[in-house]
């Protein structure tokens, strides 16, 4: 399984629109093959700092989403709302039993 964290710094005047777009697309993202869960995190001290936290069955499933027309369309809507460039990280879940 793969965990994907994408940190986003939203312009203050765009936060409401961003949250609305996320709410409108949450189910669509979650319905992609291999998506186990999807959450939006909001920084306690700075509400304009948000992060998506998603779990995917495999990197192949994540890339299927990332290169889809759905993602390209959504990204073109949200990218102009950013204060700075998004930062993305992918992790495998470590388990002592798997080593």
N, C-alpha and C. Protein backbone atom coordinates (compact mmCIF):
# COMPACT_ATOMS: atom_id res chain seq x y z
N UNK A 1 0.84 -1.17 0.00
CA UNK A 1 0.00 0.00 0.00
C UNK A 1 0.89 1.24 0.00
N UNK A 2 0.36 2.32 -0.57
CA UNK A 2 1.09 3.56 -0.73
C UNK A 2 0.28 4.69 -0.08
N UNK A 3 0.96 5.53 0.66
CA UNK A 3 0.33 6.72 1.24
C UNK A 3 0.86 7.93 0.48
N UNK A 4 -0.03 8.81 0.10
CA UNK A 4 0.34 10.01 -0.65
C UNK A 4 -0.10 11.22 0.15
N UNK A 5 0.83 12.13 0.39
CA UNK A 5 0.54 13.39 1.08
C UNK A 5 0.89 14.51 0.12
N UNK A 6 -0.07 15.40 -0.10
CA UNK A 6 0.17 16.56 -0.95
C UNK A 6 -0.12 17.81 -0.13
N UNK A 7 0.93 18.60 0.12
CA UNK A 7 0.80 19.83 0.90
C UNK A 7 0.48 20.99 -0.04
N UNK A 8 -0.52 21.77 0.35
CA UNK A 8 -0.99 22.87 -0.48
C UNK A 8 -1.11 24.13 0.37
N UNK A 9 -0.57 25.22 -0.10
CA UNK A 9 -0.71 26.52 0.56
C UNK A 9 -1.68 27.33 -0.30
N UNK A 10 -2.88 27.51 0.22
CA UNK A 10 -3.95 28.17 -0.54
C UNK A 10 -3.94 29.68 -0.24
N UNK A 11 -4.14 30.50 -1.26
CA UNK A 11 -4.30 31.93 -1.04
C UNK A 11 -5.52 32.14 -0.14
N UNK A 12 -5.40 33.00 0.88
CA UNK A 12 -6.51 33.17 1.82
C UNK A 12 -7.86 33.46 1.16
N UNK A 13 -7.84 34.27 0.13
CA UNK A 13 -9.10 34.63 -0.54
C UNK A 13 -9.69 33.47 -1.36
N UNK A 14 -8.92 32.40 -1.55
CA UNK A 14 -9.37 31.26 -2.35
C UNK A 14 -9.72 30.03 -1.51
N UNK A 15 -9.57 30.12 -0.20
CA UNK A 15 -9.78 28.94 0.64
C UNK A 15 -11.21 28.40 0.51
N UNK A 16 -12.20 29.25 0.55
CA UNK A 16 -13.59 28.80 0.43
C UNK A 16 -13.83 28.08 -0.88
N UNK A 17 -13.34 28.62 -1.97
CA UNK A 17 -13.50 27.98 -3.28
C UNK A 17 -12.77 26.64 -3.32
N UNK A 18 -11.56 26.60 -2.77
CA UNK A 18 -10.83 25.34 -2.73
C UNK A 18 -11.60 24.27 -1.97
N UNK A 19 -12.09 24.61 -0.79
CA UNK A 19 -12.84 23.64 0.02
C UNK A 19 -14.09 23.16 -0.71
N UNK A 20 -14.73 24.06 -1.42
CA UNK A 20 -15.91 23.68 -2.21
C UNK A 20 -15.54 22.72 -3.34
N UNK A 21 -14.46 23.00 -4.04
CA UNK A 21 -14.00 22.12 -5.11
C UNK A 21 -13.63 20.74 -4.56
N UNK A 22 -12.93 20.73 -3.44
CA UNK A 22 -12.56 19.46 -2.81
C UNK A 22 -13.82 18.67 -2.45
N UNK A 23 -14.76 19.32 -1.82
CA UNK A 23 -16.00 18.65 -1.44
C UNK A 23 -16.75 18.09 -2.63
N UNK A 24 -16.73 18.81 -3.73
CA UNK A 24 -17.42 18.36 -4.93
C UNK A 24 -16.73 17.24 -5.67
N UNK A 25 -15.44 17.04 -5.43
CA UNK A 25 -14.68 16.01 -6.14
C UNK A 25 -14.21 14.87 -5.26
N UNK A 26 -14.45 14.97 -3.97
CA UNK A 26 -13.99 13.95 -3.02
C UNK A 26 -14.46 12.56 -3.43
N UNK A 27 -15.73 12.40 -3.71
CA UNK A 27 -16.27 11.08 -4.08
C UNK A 27 -15.67 10.59 -5.39
N UNK A 28 -15.48 11.48 -6.34
CA UNK A 28 -14.91 11.07 -7.63
C UNK A 28 -13.50 10.54 -7.48
N UNK A 29 -12.70 11.20 -6.64
CA UNK A 29 -11.33 10.72 -6.40
C UNK A 29 -11.38 9.38 -5.69
N UNK A 30 -12.23 9.29 -4.67
CA UNK A 30 -12.35 8.06 -3.88
C UNK A 30 -12.83 6.87 -4.67
N UNK A 31 -13.48 7.11 -5.79
CA UNK A 31 -13.99 6.02 -6.63
C UNK A 31 -12.96 5.49 -7.62
N UNK A 32 -11.78 6.12 -7.66
CA UNK A 32 -10.76 5.61 -8.57
C UNK A 32 -10.26 4.25 -8.09
N UNK A 33 -9.94 3.42 -9.05
CA UNK A 33 -9.40 2.09 -8.74
C UNK A 33 -8.22 2.21 -7.79
N UNK A 34 -8.26 1.45 -6.71
CA UNK A 34 -7.14 1.38 -5.79
C UNK A 34 -7.12 2.43 -4.70
N UNK A 35 -8.03 3.39 -4.73
CA UNK A 35 -8.06 4.41 -3.68
C UNK A 35 -8.78 3.84 -2.46
N UNK A 36 -8.04 3.67 -1.37
CA UNK A 36 -8.61 3.11 -0.14
C UNK A 36 -9.23 4.18 0.75
N UNK A 37 -8.62 5.36 0.77
CA UNK A 37 -9.17 6.44 1.59
C UNK A 37 -8.61 7.77 1.11
N UNK A 38 -9.33 8.83 1.45
CA UNK A 38 -8.93 10.18 1.07
C UNK A 38 -9.41 11.12 2.16
N UNK A 39 -8.49 11.94 2.66
CA UNK A 39 -8.82 12.92 3.70
C UNK A 39 -8.17 14.24 3.35
N UNK A 40 -8.81 15.31 3.81
CA UNK A 40 -8.22 16.64 3.70
C UNK A 40 -7.88 17.09 5.11
N UNK A 41 -6.61 17.47 5.30
CA UNK A 41 -6.13 17.95 6.59
C UNK A 41 -5.95 19.46 6.50
N UNK A 42 -6.26 20.15 7.61
CA UNK A 42 -6.11 21.60 7.65
C UNK A 42 -5.26 21.96 8.86
N UNK A 43 -4.22 22.76 8.64
CA UNK A 43 -3.31 23.14 9.70
C UNK A 43 -4.05 23.89 10.81
N UNK A 44 -3.74 23.56 12.04
CA UNK A 44 -4.41 24.16 13.20
C UNK A 44 -4.08 25.65 13.32
N UNK A 45 -2.82 26.02 13.06
CA UNK A 45 -2.38 27.41 13.22
C UNK A 45 -2.62 28.26 11.97
N UNK A 46 -2.58 27.63 10.80
CA UNK A 46 -2.73 28.37 9.55
C UNK A 46 -3.73 27.63 8.66
N UNK A 47 -4.99 28.02 8.70
CA UNK A 47 -6.01 27.28 7.95
C UNK A 47 -5.83 27.29 6.43
N UNK A 48 -4.94 28.15 5.93
CA UNK A 48 -4.68 28.17 4.49
C UNK A 48 -3.68 27.10 4.08
N UNK A 49 -3.10 26.42 5.04
CA UNK A 49 -2.20 25.30 4.77
C UNK A 49 -3.01 24.02 4.92
N UNK A 50 -3.16 23.31 3.82
CA UNK A 50 -3.93 22.07 3.83
C UNK A 50 -3.09 20.96 3.21
N UNK A 51 -3.51 19.75 3.42
CA UNK A 51 -2.83 18.61 2.81
C UNK A 51 -3.86 17.53 2.52
N UNK A 52 -3.71 16.88 1.41
CA UNK A 52 -4.51 15.70 1.15
C UNK A 52 -3.71 14.49 1.61
N UNK A 53 -4.40 13.56 2.20
CA UNK A 53 -3.81 12.31 2.67
C UNK A 53 -4.62 11.19 2.03
N UNK A 54 -3.99 10.45 1.14
CA UNK A 54 -4.71 9.37 0.46
C UNK A 54 -3.92 8.07 0.56
N UNK A 55 -4.64 6.98 0.54
CA UNK A 55 -4.04 5.65 0.56
C UNK A 55 -4.44 4.93 -0.72
N UNK A 56 -3.44 4.32 -1.35
CA UNK A 56 -3.62 3.64 -2.63
C UNK A 56 -3.11 2.22 -2.53
N UNK A 57 -3.75 1.34 -3.23
CA UNK A 57 -3.32 -0.07 -3.27
C UNK A 57 -1.91 -0.20 -3.83
N UNK A 58 -1.58 0.64 -4.83
CA UNK A 58 -0.27 0.55 -5.48
C UNK A 58 0.09 1.88 -6.13
N UNK A 59 1.36 2.03 -6.46
CA UNK A 59 1.80 3.20 -7.19
C UNK A 59 1.15 3.25 -8.57
N UNK A 60 0.92 2.10 -9.14
CA UNK A 60 0.23 2.03 -10.44
C UNK A 60 -1.17 2.65 -10.34
N UNK A 61 -1.89 2.33 -9.27
CA UNK A 61 -3.23 2.91 -9.09
C UNK A 61 -3.16 4.42 -8.90
N UNK A 62 -2.20 4.88 -8.10
CA UNK A 62 -2.02 6.32 -7.91
C UNK A 62 -1.73 7.00 -9.24
N UNK A 63 -0.82 6.43 -10.02
CA UNK A 63 -0.48 7.03 -11.31
C UNK A 63 -1.64 6.99 -12.29
N UNK A 64 -2.45 5.96 -12.23
CA UNK A 64 -3.65 5.91 -13.07
C UNK A 64 -4.52 7.13 -12.79
N UNK A 65 -4.67 7.48 -11.52
CA UNK A 65 -5.42 8.68 -11.14
C UNK A 65 -4.68 9.94 -11.58
N UNK A 66 -3.39 10.03 -11.27
CA UNK A 66 -2.62 11.24 -11.54
C UNK A 66 -2.57 11.60 -13.03
N UNK A 67 -2.62 10.61 -13.91
CA UNK A 67 -2.53 10.87 -15.34
C UNK A 67 -3.89 10.84 -16.04
N UNK A 68 -4.95 10.80 -15.24
CA UNK A 68 -6.31 10.74 -15.80
C UNK A 68 -6.79 12.13 -16.22
N UNK A 69 -7.76 12.15 -17.12
CA UNK A 69 -8.39 13.41 -17.51
C UNK A 69 -9.10 14.05 -16.32
N UNK A 70 -9.66 13.23 -15.43
CA UNK A 70 -10.31 13.72 -14.22
C UNK A 70 -9.33 14.58 -13.42
N UNK A 71 -8.13 14.03 -13.15
CA UNK A 71 -7.13 14.76 -12.37
C UNK A 71 -6.68 16.02 -13.11
N UNK A 72 -6.40 15.91 -14.40
CA UNK A 72 -5.93 17.06 -15.16
C UNK A 72 -6.94 18.20 -15.10
N UNK A 73 -8.21 17.87 -15.21
CA UNK A 73 -9.26 18.89 -15.15
C UNK A 73 -9.33 19.51 -13.75
N UNK A 74 -9.31 18.68 -12.72
CA UNK A 74 -9.36 19.18 -11.35
C UNK A 74 -8.13 20.04 -11.04
N UNK A 75 -6.95 19.56 -11.41
CA UNK A 75 -5.72 20.29 -11.13
C UNK A 75 -5.73 21.66 -11.80
N UNK A 76 -6.28 21.74 -13.01
CA UNK A 76 -6.33 23.03 -13.71
C UNK A 76 -7.25 24.02 -12.98
N UNK A 77 -8.19 23.51 -12.22
CA UNK A 77 -9.08 24.38 -11.44
C UNK A 77 -8.46 24.82 -10.11
N UNK A 78 -7.73 23.92 -9.46
CA UNK A 78 -7.21 24.24 -8.13
C UNK A 78 -5.83 24.90 -8.15
N UNK A 79 -5.02 24.61 -9.14
CA UNK A 79 -3.66 25.15 -9.16
C UNK A 79 -3.61 26.68 -9.08
N UNK A 80 -4.49 27.41 -9.77
CA UNK A 80 -4.46 28.88 -9.66
C UNK A 80 -4.81 29.39 -8.25
N UNK A 81 -5.34 28.54 -7.40
CA UNK A 81 -5.73 28.95 -6.05
C UNK A 81 -4.56 28.90 -5.06
N UNK A 82 -3.43 28.36 -5.49
CA UNK A 82 -2.28 28.15 -4.60
C UNK A 82 -1.49 29.43 -4.37
N UNK A 83 -0.98 29.57 -3.16
CA UNK A 83 -0.05 30.65 -2.80
C UNK A 83 1.36 30.29 -3.27
N UNK A 84 1.69 29.00 -3.21
CA UNK A 84 3.00 28.51 -3.62
C UNK A 84 2.84 27.11 -4.21
N UNK A 85 3.91 26.61 -4.77
CA UNK A 85 3.89 25.31 -5.43
C UNK A 85 3.53 24.19 -4.45
N UNK A 86 2.72 23.26 -4.91
CA UNK A 86 2.35 22.10 -4.10
C UNK A 86 3.57 21.21 -3.89
N UNK A 87 3.57 20.49 -2.76
CA UNK A 87 4.64 19.53 -2.46
C UNK A 87 3.99 18.18 -2.24
N UNK A 88 4.48 17.16 -2.94
CA UNK A 88 3.90 15.83 -2.85
C UNK A 88 4.93 14.82 -2.38
N UNK A 89 4.46 13.89 -1.53
CA UNK A 89 5.30 12.85 -0.98
C UNK A 89 4.55 11.53 -1.03
N UNK A 90 5.26 10.47 -1.39
CA UNK A 90 4.67 9.13 -1.40
C UNK A 90 5.46 8.24 -0.45
N UNK A 91 4.74 7.45 0.32
CA UNK A 91 5.36 6.58 1.32
C UNK A 91 4.76 5.18 1.25
N UNK A 92 5.58 4.20 1.52
CA UNK A 92 5.10 2.86 1.80
C UNK A 92 4.93 2.78 3.30
N UNK A 93 3.94 2.04 3.76
CA UNK A 93 3.72 1.88 5.19
C UNK A 93 4.67 0.81 5.71
N UNK A 94 5.44 1.18 6.68
CA UNK A 94 6.39 0.26 7.29
C UNK A 94 5.68 -0.61 8.31
N UNK A 95 5.97 -1.86 8.28
CA UNK A 95 5.43 -2.80 9.26
C UNK A 95 6.57 -3.73 9.66
N UNK A 96 6.88 -3.83 10.96
CA UNK A 96 7.94 -4.74 11.38
C UNK A 96 7.69 -6.18 10.95
N UNK A 97 6.44 -6.56 10.83
CA UNK A 97 6.11 -7.93 10.44
C UNK A 97 6.48 -8.21 8.97
N UNK A 98 6.59 -7.17 8.16
CA UNK A 98 6.87 -7.40 6.74
C UNK A 98 8.37 -7.47 6.45
N UNK A 99 9.18 -7.29 7.44
CA UNK A 99 10.64 -7.32 7.21
C UNK A 99 11.24 -8.61 7.70
